Amino acid sequence: MIIAGVLALGVLHGTHATRAAATVTTALARSRPAARVAAVHSAAALPGALLIADRGNDRMLLVDAQHGVLWRFPTARDLARGTHLYFNDDGFVEPGGKAIVANEEEAHTIISVNIETHVVTHLYGTPGVRGSGPNELNTPDDAYVLPDGTLTVADAYNCRILFIRNHEIVRQLGRTGACYHDPPYAFGAVNGDTPLKDGGVLVSEIQGSWIDNIAHNGRLRWAVRAPVAYPSDPQMLSGGRILLADYTNPGAAVIINRHDTVLWRYGPSSGSGALDHPSLAMMLPNGNIAINDDYRDRVVIVDPKKGAIVWQYGHAGTPGTGPGFLNTPDGMDFVPLGPNRTPLWSLVHHP
């Protein structure tokens, strides 16, 4: 099914905007009628700002509804002094709003970036070493700092969820290297460990498409087999609903219940609204759903009532580093804004 969407042109002016509009018009003329796309975006679609982990560009950007960049890391000054990111897969604001925790997936490390000073602190992992021994990770995903200061991460191909304090593992779900579905004692490869409000964790296993709800005491509350090919980064919604991305092509954002019933789905099979390996779907305060469309080099916002894209940052299928461009974005966080578009970092909470 092809669902009409909205394509954002980004921050463009003058002749550049004219050329971009002409390009979009030509592309639309070649597309199927059912995939018509308006060459505008709705600023009202984003009630704040998105912190985007722009993985392919080794950077993080805080972008507002008008496509303005309110904060970035690293800056030219950071790079000049040797401060950088490497394949940052995610970025989540830490409690208190002073720093951002980022997992550098291919470097097998987790770091913290001070928002004001841009000082980088190493949290866990040996840079460039894929392993399972002390201070070693194997493709870390979705690193969070919890309210009590504990660092948690899905150590993907060691098939475990780790809880870390002061560079030491203090708790673990799953057995290292035991990669099969038997939660909480064993998990298939894990790519999500979303903290829950009651201290539990929502785990996604790649093999078998399992979503596991683990209580704060480590007990399995329930497990559901999601009706998707590759579940990614499940998010708990009200009423026991689960929002997740289907990391495939064409991909989708899906809301299910714990009985694997699909309650909502956005996943056009082709056209400008189609997704290519979306890694994270996140519900915004206004009910819209933001989606990392990784391999189409954009972040989109979908109005679930319209079933259509109503905002976009990045140019579909065109990676770049300039204003309005992304390269394989693979993570995001929502940041409220105050007067004069001031980021209210301290209001971000996980969960």
C-alpha atoms as a PDB file:
ATOM      1  CA  MET A   1       0.000   0.000   0.000  1.00  0.00           C
ATOM      2  CA  ILE A   2       1.316   3.445  -0.924  1.00  0.00           C
ATOM      3  CA  ILE A   3       0.450   6.260   1.450  1.00  0.00           C
ATOM      4  CA  ALA A   4       0.822   9.883   0.468  1.00  0.00           C
ATOM      5  CA  GLY A   5       3.363  11.831   2.477  1.00  0.00           C
ATOM      6  CA  VAL A   6       4.978  15.228   2.727  1.00  0.00           C
ATOM      7  CA  LEU A   7       8.541  15.944   1.629  1.00  0.00           C
ATOM      8  CA  ALA A   8      10.460  18.723   3.360  1.00  0.00           C
ATOM      9  CA  LEU A   9      12.922  20.736   1.307  1.00  0.00           C
ATOM     10  CA  GLY A  10      15.034  21.709   4.303  1.00  0.00           C
ATOM     11  CA  VAL A  11      16.547  25.146   4.850  1.00  0.00           C
ATOM     12  CA  LEU A  12      16.933  26.424   1.306  1.00  0.00           C
ATOM     13  CA  HIS A  13      16.787  29.913  -0.151  1.00  0.00           C
ATOM     14  CA  GLY A  14      16.780  31.667  -3.503  1.00  0.00           C
ATOM     15  CA  THR A  15      17.933  29.729  -6.554  1.00  0.00           C
ATOM     16  CA  HIS A  16      18.733  26.688  -4.430  1.00  0.00           C
ATOM     17  CA  ALA A  17      15.115  26.483  -3.314  1.00  0.00           C
ATOM     18  CA  THR A  18      13.956  26.889  -6.924  1.00  0.00           C
ATOM     19  CA  ARG A  19      16.211  24.063  -8.104  1.00  0.00           C
ATOM     20  CA  ALA A  20      15.171  21.859  -5.213  1.00  0.00           C
ATOM     21  CA  ALA A  21      11.493  22.509  -5.929  1.00  0.00           C
ATOM     22  CA  ALA A  22      12.063  21.693  -9.584  1.00  0.00           C
ATOM     23  CA  THR A  23      13.782  18.450  -8.630  1.00  0.00           C
ATOM     24  CA  VAL A  24      10.887  17.451  -6.381  1.00  0.00           C
ATOM     25  CA  THR A  25       8.361  18.358  -9.061  1.00  0.00           C
ATOM     26  CA  THR A  26      10.187  16.177 -11.591  1.00  0.00           C
ATOM     27  CA  ALA A  27      10.370  13.293  -9.129  1.00  0.00           C
ATOM     28  CA  LEU A  28       6.665  13.575  -8.392  1.00  0.00           C
ATOM     29  CA  ALA A  29       5.808  13.587 -12.057  1.00  0.00           C
ATOM     30  CA  ARG A  30       7.601  10.260 -12.411  1.00  0.00           C
ATOM     31  CA  SER A  31       5.985   8.715  -9.336  1.00  0.00           C
ATOM     32  CA  ARG A  32       2.729   6.823  -9.203  1.00  0.00           C
ATOM     33  CA  PRO A  33      -0.356   9.017  -8.601  1.00  0.00           C
ATOM     34  CA  ALA A  34      -1.054   7.354  -5.249  1.00  0.00           C
ATOM     35  CA  ALA A  35       2.331   8.510  -3.975  1.00  0.00           C
ATOM     36  CA  ARG A  36       1.772  12.249  -4.434  1.00  0.00           C
ATOM     37  CA  VAL A  37       3.888  14.327  -2.066  1.00  0.00           C
ATOM     38  CA  ALA A  38       3.562  18.005  -1.171  1.00  0.00           C
ATOM     39  CA  ALA A  39       6.874  19.870  -1.314  1.00  0.00           C
ATOM     40  CA  VAL A  40       6.292  21.543   2.065  1.00  0.00           C
ATOM     41  CA  HIS A  41       6.541  20.610   5.694  1.00  0.00           C
ATOM     42  CA  SER A  42       4.432  21.477   8.700  1.00  0.00           C
ATOM     43  CA  ALA A  43       6.412  23.076  11.531  1.00  0.00           C
ATOM     44  CA  ALA A  44       3.512  22.284  13.855  1.00  0.00           C
ATOM     45  CA  ALA A  45       4.307  18.599  13.407  1.00  0.00           C
ATOM     46  CA  LEU A  46       7.285  18.882  15.786  1.00  0.00           C
ATOM     47  CA  PRO A  47       6.414  20.446  19.188  1.00  0.00           C
ATOM     48  CA  GLY A  48      10.037  20.920  20.231  1.00  0.00           C
ATOM     49  CA  ALA A  49      13.340  19.687  18.835  1.00  0.00           C
ATOM     50  CA  LEU A  50      14.916  16.375  17.848  1.00  0.00           C
ATOM     51  CA  LEU A  51      18.403  15.320  18.865  1.00  0.00           C
ATOM     52  CA  ILE A  52      19.541  13.279  15.865  1.00  0.00           C
ATOM     53  CA  ALA A  53      22.386  10.776  15.971  1.00  0.00           C
ATOM     54  CA  ASP A  54      23.704  11.354  12.446  1.00  0.00           C
ATOM     55  CA  ARG A  55      25.711   8.150  12.374  1.00  0.00           C
ATOM     56  CA  GLY A  56      27.155   8.346   8.876  1.00  0.00           C
ATOM     57  CA  ASN A  57      28.459  11.844   9.557  1.00  0.00           C
ATOM     58  CA  ASP A  58      29.801  10.977  13.049  1.00  0.00           C
ATOM     59  CA  ARG A  59      27.857  13.811  14.654  1.00  0.00           C
ATOM     60  CA  MET A  60      24.810  14.790  16.687  1.00  0.00           C
ATOM     61  CA  LEU A  61      22.436  17.623  15.732  1.00  0.00           C
ATOM     62  CA  LEU A  62      19.609  19.236  17.679  1.00  0.00           C
ATOM     63  CA  VAL A  63      17.091  20.336  15.044  1.00  0.00           C
ATOM     64  CA  ASP A  64      13.939  22.400  15.550  1.00  0.00           C
ATOM     65  CA  ALA A  65      10.683  22.389  13.579  1.00  0.00           C
ATOM     66  CA  GLN A  66      11.965  25.042  11.158  1.00  0.00           C
ATOM     67  CA  HIS A  67      15.092  22.960  10.433  1.00  0.00           C
ATOM     68  CA  GLY A  68      17.325  25.247  12.462  1.00  0.00           C
ATOM     69  CA  VAL A  69      20.299  23.548  14.114  1.00  0.00           C
ATOM     70  CA  LEU A  70      20.268  24.607  17.784  1.00  0.00           C
ATOM     71  CA  TRP A  71      23.227  22.507  18.946  1.00  0.00           C
ATOM     72  CA  ARG A  72      25.773  20.245  17.342  1.00  0.00           C
ATOM     73  CA  PHE A  73      28.636  17.979  18.258  1.00  0.00           C
ATOM     74  CA  PRO A  74      31.378  17.914  17.227  1.00  0.00           C
ATOM     75  CA  THR A  75      31.943  21.471  16.064  1.00  0.00           C
ATOM     76  CA  ALA A  76      34.865  22.554  13.891  1.00  0.00           C
ATOM     77  CA  ARG A  77      36.620  23.608  17.090  1.00  0.00           C
ATOM     78  CA  ASP A  78      36.039  20.171  18.639  1.00  0.00           C
ATOM     79  CA  LEU A  79      37.518  18.452  15.599  1.00  0.00           C
ATOM     80  CA  ALA A  80      40.527  20.773  15.600  1.00  0.00           C
ATOM     81  CA  ARG A  81      41.370  19.697  19.143  1.00  0.00           C
ATOM     82  CA  GLY A  82      40.882  16.007  18.344  1.00  0.00           C
ATOM     83  CA  THR A  83      37.410  15.552  19.861  1.00  0.00           C
ATOM     84  CA  HIS A  84      35.121  13.502  17.661  1.00  0.00           C
ATOM     85  CA  LEU A  85      32.540  10.726  17.402  1.00  0.00           C
ATOM     86  CA  TYR A  86      32.889   7.403  15.642  1.00  0.00           C
ATOM     87  CA  PHE A  87      29.788   5.702  14.254  1.00  0.00           C
ATOM     88  CA  ASN A  88      27.501   7.041  16.990  1.00  0.00           C
ATOM     89  CA  ASP A  89      24.481   4.818  16.767  1.00  0.00           C
ATOM     90  CA  ASP A  90      22.303   6.564  19.355  1.00  0.00           C
ATOM     91  CA  GLY A  91      22.269   9.613  21.606  1.00  0.00           C
ATOM     92  CA  PHE A  92      20.051  10.026  24.673  1.00  0.00           C
ATOM     93  CA  VAL A  93      20.024  12.931  27.104  1.00  0.00           C
ATOM     94  CA  GLU A  94      21.224  11.933  30.564  1.00  0.00           C
ATOM     95  CA  PRO A  95      19.248  12.714  33.755  1.00  0.00           C
ATOM     96  CA  GLY A  96      19.669  16.339  34.726  1.00  0.00           C
ATOM     97  CA  GLY A  97      20.219  17.460  31.147  1.00  0.00           C
ATOM     98  CA  LYS A  98      23.959  18.116  31.441  1.00  0.00           C
ATOM     99  CA  ALA A  99      25.229  15.435  29.068  1.00  0.00           C
ATOM    100  CA  ILE A 100      24.320  13.000  26.298  1.00  0.00           C
ATOM    101  CA  VAL A 101      25.198   9.313  26.384  1.00  0.00           C
ATOM    102  CA  ALA A 102      26.160   7.863  23.006  1.00  0.00           C
ATOM    103  CA  ASN A 103      27.062   4.337  21.968  1.00  0.00           C
ATOM    104  CA  GLU A 104      29.714   4.181  19.260  1.00  0.00           C
ATOM    105  CA  GLU A 105      28.541   0.910  17.809  1.00  0.00           C
ATOM    106  CA  GLU A 106      31.429  -0.025  15.530  1.00  0.00           C
ATOM    107  CA  ALA A 107      34.027   1.221  18.038  1.00  0.00           C
ATOM    108  CA  HIS A 108      32.361  -0.963  20.720  1.00  0.00           C
ATOM    109  CA  THR A 109      32.404   1.869  23.241  1.00  0.00           C
ATOM    110  CA  ILE A 110      30.009   4.086  25.189  1.00  0.00           C
ATOM    111  CA  ILE A 111      30.793   7.734  25.852  1.00  0.00           C
ATOM    112  CA  SER A 112      29.216  10.778  27.491  1.00  0.00           C
ATOM    113  CA  VAL A 113      29.309  14.241  25.878  1.00  0.00           C
ATOM    114  CA  ASN A 114      28.937  17.308  28.081  1.00  0.00           C
ATOM    115  CA  ILE A 115      26.353  19.506  26.352  1.00  0.00           C
ATOM    116  CA  GLU A 116      27.906  22.819  27.407  1.00  0.00           C
ATOM    117  CA  THR A 117      31.649  22.115  27.335  1.00  0.00           C
ATOM    118  CA  HIS A 118      31.718  19.303  24.735  1.00  0.00           C
ATOM    119  CA  VAL A 119      34.091  17.351  26.974  1.00  0.00           C
ATOM    120  CA  VAL A 120      33.894  13.607  26.219  1.00  0.00           C
ATOM    121  CA  THR A 121      34.003  11.040  29.019  1.00  0.00           C
ATOM    122  CA  HIS A 122      34.612   7.363  28.315  1.00  0.00           C
ATOM    123  CA  LEU A 123      32.028   5.205  30.112  1.00  0.00           C
ATOM    124  CA  TYR A 124      32.662   1.612  29.010  1.00  0.00           C
ATOM    125  CA  GLY A 125      34.233  -0.514  26.301  1.00  0.00           C
ATOM    126  CA  THR A 126      37.720  -0.774  24.818  1.00  0.00           C
ATOM    127  CA  PRO A 127      37.901   1.391  21.668  1.00  0.00           C
ATOM    128  CA  GLY A 128      38.129  -0.731  18.538  1.00  0.00           C
ATOM    129  CA  VAL A 129      37.967  -4.042  20.430  1.00  0.00           C
ATOM    130  CA  ARG A 130      35.021  -6.373  19.891  1.00  0.00           C
ATOM    131  CA  GLY A 131      34.848  -8.727  22.860  1.00  0.00           C
ATOM    132  CA  SER A 132      33.092 -10.084  25.927  1.00  0.00           C
ATOM    133  CA  GLY A 133      35.748  -9.760  28.601  1.00  0.00           C
ATOM    134  CA  PRO A 134      36.217  -7.021  31.189  1.00  0.00           C
ATOM    135  CA  ASN A 135      35.563  -3.577  29.686  1.00  0.00           C
ATOM    136  CA  GLU A 136      34.617  -5.138  26.334  1.00  0.00           C
ATOM    137  CA  LEU A 137      31.445  -4.959  24.271  1.00  0.00           C
ATOM    138  CA  ASN A 138      30.235  -6.422  20.997  1.00  0.00           C
ATOM    139  CA  THR A 139      28.228  -3.830  19.044  1.00  0.00           C
ATOM    140  CA  PRO A 140      26.570  -1.859  21.878  1.00  0.00           C
ATOM    141  CA  ASP A 141      23.118  -0.454  21.149  1.00  0.00           C
ATOM    142  CA  ASP A 142      20.725   1.914  22.943  1.00  0.00           C
ATOM    143  CA  ALA A 143      22.868   3.109  25.848  1.00  0.00           C
ATOM    144  CA  TYR A 144      20.898   4.975  28.541  1.00  0.00           C
ATOM    145  CA  VAL A 145      21.845   6.540  31.854  1.00  0.00           C
ATOM    146  CA  LEU A 146      19.139   5.742  34.399  1.00  0.00           C
ATOM    147  CA  PRO A 147      17.914   8.144  37.110  1.00  0.00           C
ATOM    148  CA  ASP A 148      20.215   6.552  39.717  1.00  0.00           C
ATOM    149  CA  GLY A 149      23.258   7.039  37.476  1.00  0.00           C
ATOM    150  CA  THR A 150      23.497   3.450  36.292  1.00  0.00           C
ATOM    151  CA  LEU A 151      24.491   2.994  32.651  1.00  0.00           C
ATOM    152  CA  THR A 152      22.508   0.366  30.761  1.00  0.00           C
ATOM    153  CA  VAL A 153      23.107  -0.979  27.255  1.00  0.00           C
ATOM    154  CA  ALA A 154      22.022  -3.728  24.894  1.00  0.00           C
ATOM    155  CA  ASP A 155      25.299  -5.545  24.201  1.00  0.00           C
ATOM    156  CA  ALA A 156      23.934  -6.829  20.921  1.00  0.00           C
ATOM    157  CA  TYR A 157      26.035  -9.798  19.839  1.00  0.00           C
ATOM    158  CA  ASN A 158      27.034 -10.831  23.334  1.00  0.00           C
ATOM    159  CA  CYS A 159      23.263 -11.317  23.721  1.00  0.00           C
ATOM    160  CA  ARG A 160      22.975  -9.563  27.066  1.00  0.00           C
ATOM    161  CA  ILE A 161      21.637  -6.421  28.766  1.00  0.00           C
ATOM    162  CA  LEU A 162      24.226  -4.779  30.992  1.00  0.00           C
ATOM    163  CA  PHE A 163      23.939  -2.422  33.950  1.00  0.00           C
ATOM    164  CA  ILE A 164      27.203  -0.590  34.638  1.00  0.00           C
ATOM    165  CA  ARG A 165      28.485   1.711  37.385  1.00  0.00           C
ATOM    166  CA  ASN A 166      32.009   3.114  37.646  1.00  0.00           C
ATOM    167  CA  HIS A 167      33.200   1.003  34.700  1.00  0.00           C
ATOM    168  CA  GLU A 168      32.025  -2.216  36.356  1.00  0.00           C
ATOM    169  CA  ILE A 169      29.112  -4.487  35.403  1.00  0.00           C
ATOM    170  CA  VAL A 170      26.848  -4.566  38.461  1.00  0.00           C
ATOM    171  CA  ARG A 171      23.967  -6.499  36.926  1.00  0.00           C
ATOM    172  CA  GLN A 172      23.281  -8.489  33.793  1.00  0.00           C
ATOM    173  CA  LEU A 173      20.268  -9.971  32.025  1.00  0.00           C
ATOM    174  CA  GLY A 174      21.037 -12.950  29.831  1.00  0.00           C
ATOM    175  CA  ARG A 175      24.204 -15.035  29.792  1.00  0.00           C
ATOM    176  CA  THR A 176      27.177 -13.840  27.794  1.00  0.00           C
ATOM    177  CA  GLY A 177      27.259 -15.666  24.456  1.00  0.00           C
ATOM    178  CA  ALA A 178      24.105 -17.698  25.160  1.00  0.00           C
ATOM    179  CA  CYS A 179      22.225 -16.449  22.121  1.00  0.00           C
ATOM    180  CA  TYR A 180      18.783 -18.033  22.148  1.00  0.00           C
ATOM    181  CA  HIS A 181      15.331 -17.035  23.379  1.00  0.00           C
ATOM    182  CA  ASP A 182      14.814 -17.917  27.034  1.00  0.00           C
ATOM    183  CA  PRO A 183      14.331 -14.597  28.840  1.00  0.00           C
ATOM    184  CA  PRO A 184      15.522 -13.459  31.277  1.00  0.00           C
ATOM    185  CA  TYR A 185      18.187 -16.182  31.327  1.00  0.00           C
ATOM    186  CA  ALA A 186      19.101 -15.970  27.657  1.00  0.00           C
ATOM    187  CA  PHE A 187      18.319 -13.724  24.706  1.00  0.00           C
ATOM    188  CA  GLY A 188      18.921 -13.782  20.997  1.00  0.00           C
ATOM    189  CA  ALA A 189      20.958 -10.861  19.660  1.00  0.00           C
ATOM    190  CA  VAL A 190      19.511  -7.789  21.396  1.00  0.00           C
ATOM    191  CA  ASN A 191      19.148  -4.345  19.860  1.00  0.00           C
ATOM    192  CA  GLY A 192      16.865  -2.574  22.329  1.00  0.00           C
ATOM    193  CA  ASP A 193      16.729  -2.091  26.112  1.00  0.00           C
ATOM    194  CA  THR A 194      14.214   0.696  26.671  1.00  0.00           C
ATOM    195  CA  PRO A 195      13.861   1.668  30.361  1.00  0.00           C
ATOM    196  CA  LEU A 196      10.348   1.423  31.817  1.00  0.00           C
ATOM    197  CA  LYS A 197       8.788   3.750  34.385  1.00  0.00           C
ATOM    198  CA  ASP A 198       8.629   1.056  37.088  1.00  0.00           C
ATOM    199  CA  GLY A 199      12.311   0.160  36.768  1.00  0.00           C
ATOM    200  CA  GLY A 200      11.837  -2.641  34.268  1.00  0.00           C
ATOM    201  CA  VAL A 201      13.194  -2.870  30.751  1.00  0.00           C
ATOM    202  CA  LEU A 202      11.686  -3.582  27.330  1.00  0.00           C
ATOM    203  CA  VAL A 203      14.039  -5.795  25.308  1.00  0.00           C
ATOM    204  CA  SER A 204      13.982  -6.525  21.588  1.00  0.00           C
ATOM    205  CA  GLU A 205      15.558  -9.697  20.204  1.00  0.00           C
ATOM    206  CA  ILE A 206      16.428  -9.825  16.521  1.00  0.00           C
ATOM    207  CA  GLN A 207      16.059 -13.588  16.078  1.00  0.00           C
ATOM    208  CA  GLY A 208      12.424 -14.593  16.357  1.00  0.00           C
ATOM    209  CA  SER A 209      11.276 -10.948  16.539  1.00  0.00           C
ATOM    210  CA  TRP A 210      10.702 -11.150  20.286  1.00  0.00           C
ATOM    211  CA  ILE A 211       9.769  -8.244  22.558  1.00  0.00           C
ATOM    212  CA  ASP A 212      10.355  -9.064  26.239  1.00  0.00           C
ATOM    213  CA  ASN A 213       9.059  -7.108  29.237  1.00  0.00           C
ATOM    214  CA  ILE A 214      11.431  -7.677  32.160  1.00  0.00           C
ATOM    215  CA  ALA A 215      10.491  -6.425  35.645  1.00  0.00           C
ATOM    216  CA  HIS A 216      12.904  -4.479  37.854  1.00  0.00           C
ATOM    217  CA  ASN A 217      13.690  -7.680  39.790  1.00  0.00           C
ATOM    218  CA  GLY A 218      14.666  -9.505  36.598  1.00  0.00           C
ATOM    219  CA  ARG A 219      11.460 -11.528  36.289  1.00  0.00           C
ATOM    220  CA  LEU A 220       9.925 -12.003  32.843  1.00  0.00           C
ATOM    221  CA  ARG A 221       6.469 -10.413  32.818  1.00  0.00           C
ATOM    222  CA  TRP A 222       5.622 -11.303  29.249  1.00  0.00           C
ATOM    223  CA  ALA A 223       7.112 -11.889  25.826  1.00  0.00           C
ATOM    224  CA  VAL A 224       5.424 -11.291  22.508  1.00  0.00           C
ATOM    225  CA  ARG A 225       6.519 -12.230  19.023  1.00  0.00           C
ATOM    226  CA  ALA A 226       6.147  -9.033  17.001  1.00  0.00           C
ATOM    227  CA  PRO A 227       4.649  -9.446  13.513  1.00  0.00           C
ATOM    228  CA  VAL A 228       7.675  -7.833  11.838  1.00  0.00           C
ATOM    229  CA  ALA A 229      10.845  -9.100  10.182  1.00  0.00           C
ATOM    230  CA  TYR A 230      13.365  -7.233  12.371  1.00  0.00           C
ATOM    231  CA  PRO A 231      12.075  -5.510  15.543  1.00  0.00           C
ATOM    232  CA  SER A 232      14.016  -2.431  16.612  1.00  0.00           C
ATOM    233  CA  ASP A 233      13.936  -0.220  19.722  1.00  0.00           C
ATOM    234  CA  PRO A 234      10.471  -0.943  21.190  1.00  0.00           C
ATOM    235  CA  GLN A 235       8.822   1.893  23.130  1.00  0.00           C
ATOM    236  CA  MET A 236       6.093   1.361  25.725  1.00  0.00           C
ATOM    237  CA  LEU A 237       2.987   3.496  25.168  1.00  0.00           C
ATOM    238  CA  SER A 238      -0.086   4.005  27.322  1.00  0.00           C
ATOM    239  CA  GLY A 239      -2.626   1.217  27.578  1.00  0.00           C
ATOM    240  CA  GLY A 240      -0.026  -1.526  27.198  1.00  0.00           C
ATOM    241  CA  ARG A 241       0.684  -0.655  23.573  1.00  0.00           C
ATOM    242  CA  ILE A 242       4.140  -1.102  22.049  1.00  0.00           C
ATOM    243  CA  LEU A 243       5.611   1.088  19.311  1.00  0.00           C
ATOM    244  CA  LEU A 244       8.507  -0.360  17.334  1.00  0.00           C
ATOM    245  CA  ALA A 245      10.317  -0.056  14.050  1.00  0.00           C
ATOM    246  CA  ASP A 246      10.653  -2.849  11.494  1.00  0.00           C
ATOM    247  CA  TYR A 247      14.280  -2.528  10.400  1.00  0.00           C
ATOM    248  CA  THR A 248      13.994  -3.803   6.843  1.00  0.00           C
ATOM    249  CA  ASN A 249      13.235  -2.556   3.312  1.00  0.00           C
ATOM    250  CA  PRO A 250      10.507  -1.568   2.869  1.00  0.00           C
ATOM    251  CA  GLY A 251      10.360  -0.912   6.584  1.00  0.00           C
ATOM    252  CA  ALA A 252       7.584   0.199   8.873  1.00  0.00           C
ATOM    253  CA  ALA A 253       6.594   1.730  12.183  1.00  0.00           C
ATOM    254  CA  VAL A 254       4.101  -0.456  14.024  1.00  0.00           C
ATOM    255  CA  ILE A 255       1.997  -0.274  17.180  1.00  0.00           C
ATOM    256  CA  ILE A 256       1.001  -3.636  18.637  1.00  0.00           C
ATOM    257  CA  ASN A 257      -0.376  -4.959  21.900  1.00  0.00           C
ATOM    258  CA  ARG A 258       1.165  -7.719  23.998  1.00  0.00           C
ATOM    259  CA  HIS A 259      -0.908 -10.279  22.121  1.00  0.00           C
ATOM    260  CA  ASP A 260       0.819  -9.342  18.802  1.00  0.00           C
ATOM    261  CA  THR A 261      -2.279  -7.632  17.399  1.00  0.00           C
ATOM    262  CA  VAL A 262      -1.369  -4.774  15.044  1.00  0.00           C
ATOM    263  CA  LEU A 263      -3.176  -1.620  16.168  1.00  0.00           C
ATOM    264  CA  TRP A 264      -1.514   0.800  13.732  1.00  0.00           C
ATOM    265  CA  ARG A 265       1.049   0.573  10.970  1.00  0.00           C
ATOM    266  CA  TYR A 266       2.871   2.969   8.682  1.00  0.00           C
ATOM    267  CA  GLY A 267       4.831   1.191   5.971  1.00  0.00           C
ATOM    268  CA  PRO A 268       4.235   2.092   2.322  1.00  0.00           C
ATOM    269  CA  SER A 269       5.709  -0.530   0.018  1.00  0.00           C
ATOM    270  CA  SER A 270       7.095   2.022  -2.451  1.00  0.00           C
ATOM    271  CA  GLY A 271       7.081   5.684  -3.371  1.00  0.00           C
ATOM    272  CA  SER A 272       8.369   8.760  -1.584  1.00  0.00           C
ATOM    273  CA  GLY A 273       6.755   7.783   1.708  1.00  0.00           C
ATOM    274  CA  ALA A 274       8.407   4.353   1.869  1.00  0.00           C
ATOM    275  CA  LEU A 275      10.963   3.639   4.607  1.00  0.00           C
ATOM    276  CA  ASP A 276      14.314   1.878   4.176  1.00  0.00           C
ATOM    277  CA  HIS A 277      15.600   0.256   7.377  1.00  0.00           C
ATOM    278  CA  PRO A 278      13.949   2.523   9.963  1.00  0.00           C
ATOM    279  CA  SER A 279      15.676   1.915  13.305  1.00  0.00           C
ATOM    280  CA  LEU A 280      13.600   3.885  15.815  1.00  0.00           C
ATOM    281  CA  ALA A 281      10.004   5.080  16.007  1.00  0.00           C
ATOM    282  CA  MET A 282       9.149   7.441  18.852  1.00  0.00           C
ATOM    283  CA  MET A 283       5.837   9.032  19.819  1.00  0.00           C
ATOM    284  CA  LEU A 284       6.016  12.805  20.326  1.00  0.00           C
ATOM    285  CA  PRO A 285       3.987  14.749  22.929  1.00  0.00           C
ATOM    286  CA  ASN A 286       1.452  15.779  20.256  1.00  0.00           C
ATOM    287  CA  GLY A 287       0.799  12.158  19.249  1.00  0.00           C
ATOM    288  CA  ASN A 288       2.798  12.276  16.011  1.00  0.00           C
ATOM    289  CA  ILE A 289       5.443   9.621  15.444  1.00  0.00           C
ATOM    290  CA  ALA A 290       9.054  10.455  14.601  1.00  0.00           C
ATOM    291  CA  ILE A 291      10.966   7.816  12.654  1.00  0.00           C
ATOM    292  CA  ASN A 292      14.647   7.369  11.821  1.00  0.00           C
ATOM    293  CA  ASP A 293      14.600   6.394   8.133  1.00  0.00           C
ATOM    294  CA  ASP A 294      18.218   5.243   8.201  1.00  0.00           C
ATOM    295  CA  TYR A 295      19.035   4.235   4.658  1.00  0.00           C
ATOM    296  CA  ARG A 296      17.031   7.077   3.122  1.00  0.00           C
ATOM    297  CA  ASP A 297      19.144   9.566   5.081  1.00  0.00           C
ATOM    298  CA  ARG A 298      16.274  11.349   6.781  1.00  0.00           C
ATOM    299  CA  VAL A 299      14.167  11.659   9.898  1.00  0.00           C
ATOM    300  CA  VAL A 300      10.441  11.885   9.256  1.00  0.00           C
ATOM    301  CA  ILE A 301       7.385  12.632  11.349  1.00  0.00           C
ATOM    302  CA  VAL A 302       4.173  10.783  10.562  1.00  0.00           C
ATOM    303  CA  ASP A 303       0.703  11.942  11.559  1.00  0.00           C
ATOM    304  CA  PRO A 304      -0.887   8.622  12.599  1.00  0.00           C
ATOM    305  CA  LYS A 305      -4.396   9.873  11.833  1.00  0.00           C
ATOM    306  CA  LYS A 306      -3.467  10.842   8.279  1.00  0.00           C
ATOM    307  CA  GLY A 307      -1.059   7.962   7.759  1.00  0.00           C
ATOM    308  CA  ALA A 308       1.276  10.416   6.066  1.00  0.00           C
ATOM    309  CA  ILE A 309       4.631  12.123   6.506  1.00  0.00           C
ATOM    310  CA  VAL A 310       4.062  15.694   7.667  1.00  0.00           C
ATOM    311  CA  TRP A 311       7.655  16.761   8.396  1.00  0.00           C
ATOM    312  CA  GLN A 312      11.106  15.713   7.300  1.00  0.00           C
ATOM    313  CA  TYR A 313      14.730  16.556   7.934  1.00  0.00           C
ATOM    314  CA  GLY A 314      17.179  15.229   5.383  1.00  0.00           C
ATOM    315  CA  HIS A 315      16.814  14.565   1.673  1.00  0.00           C
ATOM    316  CA  ALA A 316      15.511  11.114   0.790  1.00  0.00           C
ATOM    317  CA  GLY A 317      18.295   8.926  -0.550  1.00  0.00           C
ATOM    318  CA  THR A 318      20.785  11.803  -0.719  1.00  0.00           C
ATOM    319  CA  PRO A 319      23.366  11.731   2.077  1.00  0.00           C
ATOM    320  CA  GLY A 320      25.231  14.944   2.835  1.00  0.00           C
ATOM    321  CA  THR A 321      26.798  17.139   5.497  1.00  0.00           C
ATOM    322  CA  GLY A 322      25.357  20.543   4.620  1.00  0.00           C
ATOM    323  CA  PRO A 323      22.300  22.306   6.048  1.00  0.00           C
ATOM    324  CA  GLY A 324      19.249  20.087   5.818  1.00  0.00           C
ATOM    325  CA  PHE A 325      21.219  16.898   5.074  1.00  0.00           C
ATOM    326  CA  LEU A 326      21.897  13.714   7.034  1.00  0.00           C
ATOM    327  CA  ASN A 327      23.820  10.501   6.416  1.00  0.00           C
ATOM    328  CA  THR A 328      22.298   7.310   7.832  1.00  0.00           C
ATOM    329  CA  PRO A 329      20.656   8.782  10.949  1.00  0.00           C
ATOM    330  CA  ASP A 330      20.252   5.985  13.472  1.00  0.00           C
ATOM    331  CA  GLY A 331      19.037   7.523  16.718  1.00  0.00           C
ATOM    332  CA  MET A 332      17.080  10.432  18.157  1.00  0.00           C
ATOM    333  CA  ASP A 333      15.708  11.960  21.323  1.00  0.00           C
ATOM    334  CA  PHE A 334      12.977  14.551  21.880  1.00  0.00           C
ATOM    335  CA  VAL A 335      13.977  17.811  23.608  1.00  0.00           C
ATOM    336  CA  PRO A 336      11.346  20.400  24.665  1.00  0.00           C
ATOM    337  CA  LEU A 337      12.019  24.049  23.836  1.00  0.00           C
ATOM    338  CA  GLY A 338      11.486  27.148  25.944  1.00  0.00           C
ATOM    339  CA  PRO A 339      11.370  30.850  25.009  1.00  0.00           C
ATOM    340  CA  ASN A 340      13.586  31.866  22.107  1.00  0.00           C
ATOM    341  CA  ARG A 341      13.968  28.203  21.113  1.00  0.00           C
ATOM    342  CA  THR A 342      16.040  27.458  24.204  1.00  0.00           C
ATOM    343  CA  PRO A 343      16.560  23.675  24.619  1.00  0.00           C
ATOM    344  CA  LEU A 344      15.157  22.460  27.934  1.00  0.00           C
ATOM    345  CA  TRP A 345      17.591  19.590  28.284  1.00  0.00           C
ATOM    346  CA  SER A 346      16.747  18.995  31.950  1.00  0.00           C
ATOM    347  CA  LEU A 347      13.140  18.106  31.079  1.00  0.00           C
ATOM    348  CA  VAL A 348      14.202  15.012  29.110  1.00  0.00           C
ATOM    349  CA  HIS A 349      13.632  11.802  31.043  1.00  0.00           C
ATOM    350  CA  HIS A 350      14.245   8.097  30.334  1.00  0.00           C
ATOM    351  CA  PRO A 351      11.823   6.790  31.242  1.00  0.00           C
END
